[in-house]
Amino acid sequence: MAKSLKMFVRESAIKKEVATWSLKDCEEYLQKHKNDNLKKNSLLNKKISIVSKFSSAVNAAKNISGKSRQNALRDIPFEFLVKNAPKEAQDPKNSKKLKSYQKNTGVYLWSLGYDLRKFIGAGCSAVIWERKDGKVMRVACNNKYLGFIETNDAVSEVKDSKTIEDIIRDKERNSKHLFVAKHIETDHDKSGKAVFETELASHGDLQKFKNENYKYDIQSILQMASDSLKGLKVLHDKGYSHNDIKPDNILVTDKTKKDKSSRINLKIADFGAMTRIDNTYKIFTNKKFRAPDFWKLNKEAVEKRDVYSLGCIFIGLLMKDENFSQNYQRFSKELINIGAENFSSKYLEHFTPDEKIIPFLNLIMLMVKPDYKSRVDVDQALTKLKGIKGLASQSKQR
């Protein structure tokens, strides 16, 4: 028994050592010992066997995919995979974007059998990769605090994903304005990760879109406002508050060919801070877009904090700024203090006078009222926006 235990410890040490090797190291080692006449149970023979097993499994895995690859790599140390996975599954060179607990998620996806094309980006708890077939993989990673309690992020994202899927099944009409991540893999007890499949947000988030592809066209801006309010309405109608509305969490996708109203579609994403409206312990959002009464915990205040955040974003859509780097809470206060016409002449000279921008600014003023009791809710905002879109359409026809 003691001898078996000793051998087990030695084999474990060998596996730990070989896990740090490259495939080239393995090849050179096997070549060096290919003509050795070794005893069957010798340590050197076991080491050769381990080196051969690791390298053969990874080489074979590069030519297969799906469950076949997953099964082939099941017993291979993850450290060895990190060292020897294909380049497209490795962390990007600018891996400073990735926090320590998000490293090597591409290798993790590759080991599960997914063929990857490129790294897309990372948030505070998830990493996004594009597959070679054009679909997108989201890996949730455990390591943050939500609200005032410690939360297992992978488990939380699985729960959020199922909740959003249920909401969309019940609210199909406007579900196109919610970005769904369908849960497909879970081993968070082992790895601390959960894997989701999503569509590709072809234009990135609203932050990226404004920085790269943006045009200051009032009709397009009104359509974007409508998309985001409709997405928020779906959540509120089902009794949920998003709690973290910001440009990073609004994704821009291409419209379907059947939809001629606009070339893009906005979708609300990232439901990690979402709660029932009457369950208010989670009160986070980006400070630039956080309602001044965010600490109020009654149902009406919680519901309208999302509306406030969208109002600040709408100001950002109008401002001549390459991205959302400005402090829009300051501008929302100024808008309320000086009124829509003065605000337009001071900050929005890039819009022509006949674009009917004043009614939209008046709506934004109602969305960013510092007191939630004076603030419009999502239904009121949508009703007023519908009338404004009509005005803008008439103006464009003339």
Protein backbone atom coordinates (compact mmCIF):
# COMPACT_ATOMS: atom_id res chain seq x y z
CA MET A 1 0.00 0.00 0.00
CA ALA A 2 2.81 2.36 0.93
CA LYS A 3 4.58 1.59 -2.36
CA SER A 4 1.43 2.34 -4.38
CA LEU A 5 0.96 5.63 -2.59
CA LYS A 6 4.59 6.55 -3.21
CA MET A 7 4.20 5.74 -6.92
CA PHE A 8 1.01 7.80 -7.09
CA VAL A 9 2.78 10.81 -5.59
CA ARG A 10 5.63 10.47 -8.08
CA GLU A 11 3.24 10.18 -11.03
CA SER A 12 1.40 13.27 -9.84
CA ALA A 13 4.69 15.16 -9.71
CA ILE A 14 5.49 14.03 -13.27
CA LYS A 15 2.07 15.17 -14.55
CA LYS A 16 2.55 18.52 -12.84
CA GLU A 17 5.94 18.94 -14.50
CA VAL A 18 4.80 17.89 -17.99
CA ALA A 19 1.78 20.22 -17.75
CA THR A 20 4.21 23.13 -18.14
CA TRP A 21 5.74 21.75 -21.37
CA SER A 22 5.08 22.81 -24.93
CA LEU A 23 4.32 20.30 -27.67
CA LYS A 24 7.82 20.92 -28.98
CA ASP A 25 9.24 19.95 -25.57
CA CYS A 26 7.19 16.76 -25.67
CA GLU A 27 8.34 15.91 -29.18
CA GLU A 28 12.00 16.43 -28.29
CA TYR A 29 11.67 14.35 -25.12
CA LEU A 30 10.00 11.44 -26.91
CA GLN A 31 12.58 11.58 -29.69
CA LYS A 32 15.38 11.51 -27.12
CA HIS A 33 14.04 8.37 -25.44
CA LYS A 34 12.52 6.52 -28.42
CA ASN A 35 15.21 3.82 -28.42
CA ASP A 36 15.44 3.38 -24.64
CA ASN A 37 14.87 -0.13 -23.34
CA LEU A 38 12.93 0.57 -20.17
CA LYS A 39 11.29 -1.54 -17.52
CA LYS A 40 7.51 -1.50 -17.76
CA ASN A 41 6.89 0.00 -14.32
CA SER A 42 9.88 2.33 -14.17
CA LEU A 43 9.29 6.04 -13.51
CA LEU A 44 10.99 6.99 -16.77
CA ASN A 45 8.64 4.73 -18.69
CA LYS A 46 5.65 6.27 -16.92
CA LYS A 47 6.93 9.74 -17.73
CA ILE A 48 7.26 8.82 -21.40
CA SER A 49 3.72 7.44 -21.30
CA ILE A 50 2.37 10.67 -19.74
CA VAL A 51 4.23 12.90 -22.22
CA SER A 52 2.90 10.80 -25.10
CA LYS A 53 -0.65 10.87 -23.76
CA PHE A 54 -0.70 14.66 -23.28
CA SER A 55 0.85 15.51 -26.65
CA SER A 56 -1.18 12.94 -28.62
CA ALA A 57 -4.45 14.15 -27.10
CA VAL A 58 -3.80 17.80 -27.95
CA ASN A 59 -2.56 17.06 -31.47
CA ALA A 60 -5.62 14.91 -32.11
CA ALA A 61 -7.94 17.57 -30.61
CA LYS A 62 -6.79 20.12 -33.16
CA ASN A 63 -8.36 18.02 -35.93
CA ILE A 64 -11.70 17.28 -34.25
CA SER A 65 -14.38 19.39 -32.55
CA GLY A 66 -17.50 19.19 -30.42
CA LYS A 67 -17.90 16.39 -27.89
CA SER A 68 -15.11 14.40 -29.53
CA ARG A 69 -12.58 17.08 -28.64
CA GLN A 70 -14.07 17.53 -25.18
CA ASN A 71 -13.75 13.80 -24.49
CA ALA A 72 -10.21 13.65 -25.91
CA LEU A 73 -9.05 16.41 -23.57
CA ARG A 74 -11.02 15.36 -20.50
CA ASP A 75 -8.01 14.09 -18.52
CA ILE A 76 -5.43 16.59 -19.81
CA PRO A 77 -4.31 19.27 -17.31
CA PHE A 78 -5.65 22.70 -18.19
CA GLU A 79 -2.16 24.21 -17.82
CA PHE A 80 -0.99 22.01 -20.69
CA LEU A 81 -3.91 23.16 -22.84
CA VAL A 82 -3.11 26.81 -22.11
CA LYS A 83 0.42 26.20 -23.30
CA ASN A 84 -0.58 24.32 -26.46
CA ALA A 85 -4.05 25.38 -27.64
CA PRO A 86 -4.38 26.98 -31.11
CA LYS A 87 -3.39 30.64 -31.36
CA GLU A 88 -6.96 31.77 -32.07
CA ALA A 89 -8.03 30.40 -28.67
CA GLN A 90 -5.22 32.12 -26.76
CA ASP A 91 -5.67 35.36 -24.86
CA PRO A 92 -5.13 38.43 -27.06
CA LYS A 93 -1.87 40.33 -26.80
CA ASN A 94 -3.72 43.24 -25.18
CA SER A 95 -4.80 40.89 -22.41
CA LYS A 96 -4.74 43.77 -19.91
CA LYS A 97 -8.45 43.91 -20.70
CA LEU A 98 -8.80 40.55 -18.98
CA LYS A 99 -8.82 40.24 -15.21
CA SER A 100 -6.94 37.33 -13.68
CA TYR A 101 -10.05 35.19 -13.24
CA GLN A 102 -10.99 35.77 -16.91
CA LYS A 103 -7.71 34.56 -18.38
CA ASN A 104 -7.70 31.63 -20.80
CA THR A 105 -11.46 31.50 -21.35
CA GLY A 106 -10.75 30.95 -25.04
CA VAL A 107 -8.72 27.85 -24.20
CA TYR A 108 -11.56 26.74 -21.94
CA LEU A 109 -14.05 27.08 -24.82
CA TRP A 110 -11.70 25.29 -27.19
CA SER A 111 -11.37 22.39 -24.72
CA LEU A 112 -15.18 22.10 -24.71
CA GLY A 113 -15.10 21.59 -28.47
CA TYR A 114 -15.80 25.07 -29.87
CA ASP A 115 -13.76 26.40 -32.79
CA LEU A 116 -12.99 30.07 -32.19
CA ARG A 117 -12.26 32.90 -34.62
CA LYS A 118 -11.39 35.81 -32.34
CA PHE A 119 -11.68 37.51 -28.96
CA ILE A 120 -14.38 40.20 -28.90
CA GLY A 121 -14.17 41.74 -25.45
CA ALA A 122 -14.59 41.43 -21.69
CA GLY A 123 -16.79 42.92 -18.99
CA CYS A 124 -16.45 42.72 -15.23
CA SER A 125 -17.72 39.14 -15.02
CA ALA A 126 -17.81 37.73 -18.58
CA VAL A 127 -15.63 37.27 -21.66
CA ILE A 128 -16.94 37.20 -25.25
CA TRP A 129 -15.48 35.13 -28.11
CA GLU A 130 -16.67 34.74 -31.70
CA ARG A 131 -16.84 31.24 -33.15
CA LYS A 132 -15.77 30.34 -36.68
CA ASP A 133 -19.42 29.73 -37.60
CA GLY A 134 -20.27 33.36 -36.69
CA LYS A 135 -22.01 32.61 -33.41
CA VAL A 136 -20.84 34.18 -30.18
CA MET A 137 -19.81 32.57 -26.90
CA ARG A 138 -20.10 34.30 -23.55
CA VAL A 139 -18.22 32.83 -20.59
CA ALA A 140 -19.41 33.95 -17.16
CA CYS A 141 -16.63 33.93 -14.56
CA ASN A 142 -17.04 33.96 -10.78
CA ASN A 143 -15.53 36.93 -8.99
CA LYS A 144 -17.52 39.93 -7.94
CA TYR A 145 -20.07 41.36 -5.55
CA LEU A 146 -23.60 42.26 -6.57
CA GLY A 147 -25.73 44.29 -4.19
CA PHE A 148 -24.78 43.76 -0.58
CA ILE A 149 -24.32 39.99 -0.75
CA GLU A 150 -21.63 37.83 -2.29
CA THR A 151 -22.89 36.24 -5.49
CA ASN A 152 -21.73 33.27 -7.52
CA ASP A 153 -21.64 34.93 -10.94
CA ALA A 154 -21.80 31.81 -13.09
CA VAL A 155 -24.81 30.49 -11.21
CA SER A 156 -26.37 33.97 -11.27
CA GLU A 157 -25.95 34.29 -15.05
CA VAL A 158 -27.57 30.90 -15.64
CA LYS A 159 -30.54 32.04 -13.57
CA ASP A 160 -30.70 35.41 -15.38
CA SER A 161 -30.51 33.68 -18.78
CA LYS A 162 -33.46 31.43 -17.98
CA THR A 163 -35.44 34.40 -16.62
CA ILE A 164 -34.91 36.42 -19.81
CA GLU A 165 -35.82 33.43 -21.98
CA ASP A 166 -39.07 33.08 -20.02
CA ILE A 167 -39.80 36.81 -20.40
CA ILE A 168 -39.22 36.69 -24.16
CA ARG A 169 -41.47 33.68 -24.63
CA ASP A 170 -44.24 35.66 -22.93
CA LYS A 171 -43.49 39.01 -24.63
CA GLU A 172 -42.50 38.14 -28.16
CA ARG A 173 -43.52 41.44 -29.75
CA ASN A 174 -40.75 43.55 -28.21
CA SER A 175 -38.37 40.74 -27.29
CA LYS A 176 -36.15 41.80 -30.22
CA HIS A 177 -34.97 44.64 -27.96
CA LEU A 178 -33.53 42.29 -25.32
CA PHE A 179 -30.20 40.59 -25.93
CA VAL A 180 -30.51 36.93 -24.99
CA ALA A 181 -27.66 34.67 -23.94
CA LYS A 182 -28.80 31.04 -24.12
CA HIS A 183 -27.16 28.86 -21.49
CA ILE A 184 -25.50 25.80 -23.05
CA GLU A 185 -22.72 24.59 -20.71
CA THR A 186 -22.26 24.58 -16.94
CA ASP A 187 -19.56 23.22 -14.73
CA HIS A 188 -19.31 26.22 -12.41
CA ASP A 189 -18.81 23.92 -9.41
CA LYS A 190 -15.56 22.73 -11.02
CA SER A 191 -14.26 25.66 -13.06
CA GLY A 192 -16.23 28.66 -11.80
CA LYS A 193 -17.50 29.27 -15.35
CA ALA A 194 -20.75 28.95 -17.28
CA VAL A 195 -20.98 29.12 -21.08
CA PHE A 196 -23.69 30.84 -23.13
CA GLU A 197 -24.42 31.18 -26.84
CA THR A 198 -25.56 34.58 -28.16
CA GLU A 199 -26.01 36.37 -31.44
CA LEU A 200 -23.27 38.66 -32.71
CA ALA A 201 -23.77 42.33 -31.86
CA SER A 202 -22.35 43.39 -35.21
CA HIS A 203 -21.79 47.02 -34.15
CA GLY A 204 -20.72 46.35 -30.57
CA ASP A 205 -22.20 48.24 -27.67
CA LEU A 206 -23.57 51.79 -27.83
CA GLN A 207 -20.26 53.13 -26.56
CA LYS A 208 -18.36 51.53 -29.46
CA PHE A 209 -21.06 52.40 -32.00
CA LYS A 210 -20.98 56.10 -31.18
CA ASN A 211 -17.22 56.13 -31.31
CA GLU A 212 -17.00 54.51 -34.76
CA ASN A 213 -20.19 54.54 -36.85
CA TYR A 214 -22.33 57.36 -35.53
CA LYS A 215 -24.33 59.94 -37.48
CA TYR A 216 -26.14 62.85 -35.82
CA ASP A 217 -29.46 62.21 -37.50
CA ILE A 218 -32.49 62.98 -35.31
CA GLN A 219 -34.75 60.34 -36.87
CA SER A 220 -32.12 57.63 -36.27
CA ILE A 221 -31.63 58.83 -32.70
CA LEU A 222 -35.37 58.75 -32.05
CA GLN A 223 -35.48 55.18 -33.37
CA MET A 224 -32.62 54.19 -31.07
CA ALA A 225 -34.47 55.79 -28.16
CA SER A 226 -37.59 53.85 -29.12
CA ASP A 227 -35.71 50.53 -29.30
CA SER A 228 -34.16 50.93 -25.85
CA LEU A 229 -37.42 52.08 -24.22
CA LYS A 230 -39.27 49.12 -25.73
CA GLY A 231 -36.67 46.74 -24.33
CA LEU A 232 -36.98 48.35 -20.92
CA LYS A 233 -40.79 48.16 -21.12
CA VAL A 234 -40.62 44.37 -21.58
CA LEU A 235 -38.66 44.07 -18.33
CA HIS A 236 -40.87 46.48 -16.39
CA ASP A 237 -44.09 44.89 -17.64
CA LYS A 238 -42.88 41.57 -16.26
CA GLY A 239 -41.98 43.17 -12.92
CA TYR A 240 -38.19 43.43 -13.32
CA SER A 241 -35.81 46.36 -12.94
CA HIS A 242 -32.53 46.26 -14.89
CA ASN A 243 -30.59 48.44 -12.39
CA ASP A 244 -27.51 48.87 -14.58
CA ILE A 245 -28.58 50.76 -17.70
CA LYS A 246 -25.47 52.27 -19.35
CA PRO A 247 -24.03 52.47 -22.90
CA ASP A 248 -21.95 49.33 -22.36
CA ASN A 249 -25.13 47.36 -21.69
CA ILE A 250 -26.99 48.44 -24.83
CA LEU A 251 -25.88 46.46 -27.87
CA VAL A 252 -26.28 47.48 -31.51
CA THR A 253 -27.22 44.80 -34.02
CA ASP A 254 -28.28 44.85 -37.67
CA LYS A 255 -32.00 44.90 -38.40
CA THR A 256 -33.60 42.06 -40.32
CA LYS A 257 -34.11 42.67 -44.04
CA LYS A 258 -37.88 42.78 -43.49
CA ASP A 259 -37.61 45.76 -41.12
CA LYS A 260 -37.21 48.94 -43.17
CA SER A 261 -37.57 51.41 -40.27
CA SER A 262 -33.84 51.55 -39.54
CA ARG A 263 -30.63 49.76 -40.43
CA ILE A 264 -29.84 48.99 -36.77
CA ASN A 265 -31.59 47.60 -33.74
CA LEU A 266 -30.74 48.36 -30.09
CA LYS A 267 -30.94 45.62 -27.49
CA ILE A 268 -30.64 45.87 -23.72
CA ALA A 269 -28.10 43.37 -22.37
CA ASP A 270 -26.30 42.24 -19.20
CA PHE A 271 -28.94 41.32 -16.64
CA GLY A 272 -26.54 40.56 -13.80
CA ALA A 273 -27.95 43.34 -11.59
CA MET A 274 -31.59 42.71 -12.53
CA THR A 275 -34.10 42.17 -9.72
CA ARG A 276 -37.79 42.04 -9.19
CA ILE A 277 -38.95 45.64 -8.88
CA ASP A 278 -40.15 44.94 -5.35
CA ASN A 279 -36.80 43.33 -4.43
CA THR A 280 -34.47 46.28 -4.19
CA TYR A 281 -31.19 45.22 -2.59
CA LYS A 282 -29.25 45.59 -5.87
CA ILE A 283 -28.88 49.27 -6.65
CA PHE A 284 -25.80 49.48 -8.83
CA THR A 285 -25.28 51.34 -12.05
CA ASN A 286 -22.50 53.40 -13.55
CA LYS A 287 -22.21 56.68 -11.63
CA LYS A 288 -22.56 58.75 -14.82
CA PHE A 289 -26.00 57.23 -15.42
CA ARG A 290 -27.22 56.61 -11.87
CA ALA A 291 -30.39 58.30 -10.67
CA PRO A 292 -29.80 60.79 -7.82
CA ASP A 293 -32.47 58.97 -5.78
CA PHE A 294 -31.01 55.53 -6.51
CA TRP A 295 -30.96 54.79 -2.77
CA LYS A 296 -34.77 55.05 -2.55
CA LEU A 297 -36.10 51.53 -2.14
CA ASN A 298 -39.80 51.82 -2.90
CA LYS A 299 -41.28 50.22 -6.03
CA GLU A 300 -41.87 53.44 -8.02
CA ALA A 301 -38.36 54.75 -7.37
CA VAL A 302 -36.75 51.46 -8.39
CA GLU A 303 -38.74 51.29 -11.61
CA LYS A 304 -37.96 54.88 -12.59
CA ARG A 305 -34.22 54.69 -11.92
CA ASP A 306 -33.90 52.78 -15.23
CA VAL A 307 -35.79 55.60 -17.00
CA TYR A 308 -33.40 58.18 -15.54
CA SER A 309 -30.40 56.21 -16.82
CA LEU A 310 -31.86 56.04 -20.32
CA GLY A 311 -32.56 59.78 -20.23
CA CYS A 312 -28.87 60.44 -19.55
CA ILE A 313 -27.94 58.11 -22.43
CA PHE A 314 -30.31 60.01 -24.75
CA ILE A 315 -28.46 63.24 -23.89
CA GLY A 316 -25.26 61.43 -24.86
CA LEU A 317 -26.78 60.41 -28.20
CA LEU A 318 -27.37 64.09 -28.98
CA MET A 319 -24.09 65.55 -27.75
CA LYS A 320 -21.18 66.08 -30.13
CA ASP A 321 -18.90 63.72 -28.28
CA GLU A 322 -17.06 60.77 -29.81
CA ASN A 323 -18.16 58.50 -26.98
CA PHE A 324 -19.97 58.69 -23.67
CA SER A 325 -17.04 60.17 -21.74
CA GLN A 326 -18.95 63.24 -20.59
CA ASN A 327 -20.71 63.47 -17.22
CA TYR A 328 -24.29 63.44 -18.44
CA GLN A 329 -25.77 63.94 -14.98
CA ARG A 330 -24.26 67.42 -15.08
CA PHE A 331 -25.85 68.03 -18.49
CA SER A 332 -29.19 66.67 -17.31
CA LYS A 333 -29.20 69.22 -14.48
CA GLU A 334 -28.31 72.01 -16.90
CA LEU A 335 -31.04 70.92 -19.30
CA ILE A 336 -33.60 71.20 -16.51
CA ASN A 337 -32.22 74.57 -15.36
CA ILE A 338 -31.98 76.37 -18.74
CA GLY A 339 -34.70 74.58 -20.72
CA ALA A 340 -34.74 72.74 -24.03
CA GLU A 341 -34.32 75.72 -26.41
CA ASN A 342 -31.36 77.24 -24.58
CA PHE A 343 -29.74 73.81 -24.18
CA SER A 344 -30.16 73.15 -27.91
CA SER A 345 -28.61 76.45 -28.97
CA LYS A 346 -25.74 76.02 -26.51
CA TYR A 347 -24.77 72.38 -27.13
CA LEU A 348 -26.59 71.04 -30.20
CA GLU A 349 -25.64 73.40 -33.02
CA HIS A 350 -24.80 70.38 -35.19
CA PHE A 351 -28.55 69.73 -35.60
CA THR A 352 -30.48 71.87 -38.08
CA PRO A 353 -33.43 73.91 -36.70
CA ASP A 354 -36.10 71.97 -38.62
CA GLU A 355 -35.20 68.65 -36.97
CA LYS A 356 -37.76 69.11 -34.18
CA ILE A 357 -35.21 68.46 -31.47
CA ILE A 358 -36.96 70.56 -28.81
CA PRO A 359 -39.79 68.05 -28.18
CA PHE A 360 -37.21 65.28 -27.68
CA LEU A 361 -35.28 67.43 -25.19
CA ASN A 362 -38.54 68.13 -23.36
CA LEU A 363 -39.09 64.37 -23.06
CA ILE A 364 -35.55 63.86 -21.78
CA MET A 365 -36.19 66.54 -19.15
CA LEU A 366 -39.13 64.47 -17.88
CA MET A 367 -36.94 61.34 -17.81
CA VAL A 368 -34.09 62.91 -15.79
CA LYS A 369 -36.10 64.73 -13.14
CA PRO A 370 -34.11 64.43 -9.90
CA ASP A 371 -37.26 63.50 -7.94
CA TYR A 372 -38.66 60.17 -9.12
CA LYS A 373 -42.22 61.32 -8.31
CA SER A 374 -41.94 63.92 -11.11
CA ARG A 375 -40.22 61.53 -13.51
CA VAL A 376 -42.13 59.77 -16.30
CA ASP A 377 -42.33 55.99 -16.33
CA VAL A 378 -41.42 53.88 -19.35
CA ASP A 379 -44.99 53.79 -20.75
CA GLN A 380 -45.36 57.56 -20.54
CA ALA A 381 -41.96 58.05 -22.17
CA LEU A 382 -42.85 55.71 -25.04
CA THR A 383 -46.19 57.46 -25.65
CA LYS A 384 -44.52 60.87 -25.84
CA LEU A 385 -41.71 59.52 -28.03
CA LYS A 386 -44.21 58.09 -30.50
CA GLY A 387 -45.64 61.58 -31.03
CA ILE A 388 -42.17 63.07 -31.42
CA LYS A 389 -41.21 60.45 -34.03
CA GLY A 390 -44.28 61.45 -35.98
CA LEU A 391 -43.19 65.09 -35.88
CA ALA A 392 -39.71 64.19 -37.07
CA SER A 393 -41.11 62.07 -39.91
CA GLN A 394 -43.31 64.92 -41.09
CA SER A 395 -40.35 67.30 -40.92
CA LYS A 396 -38.24 64.90 -42.99
CA GLN A 397 -40.97 64.53 -45.64
CA ARG A 398 -41.24 68.30 -45.99
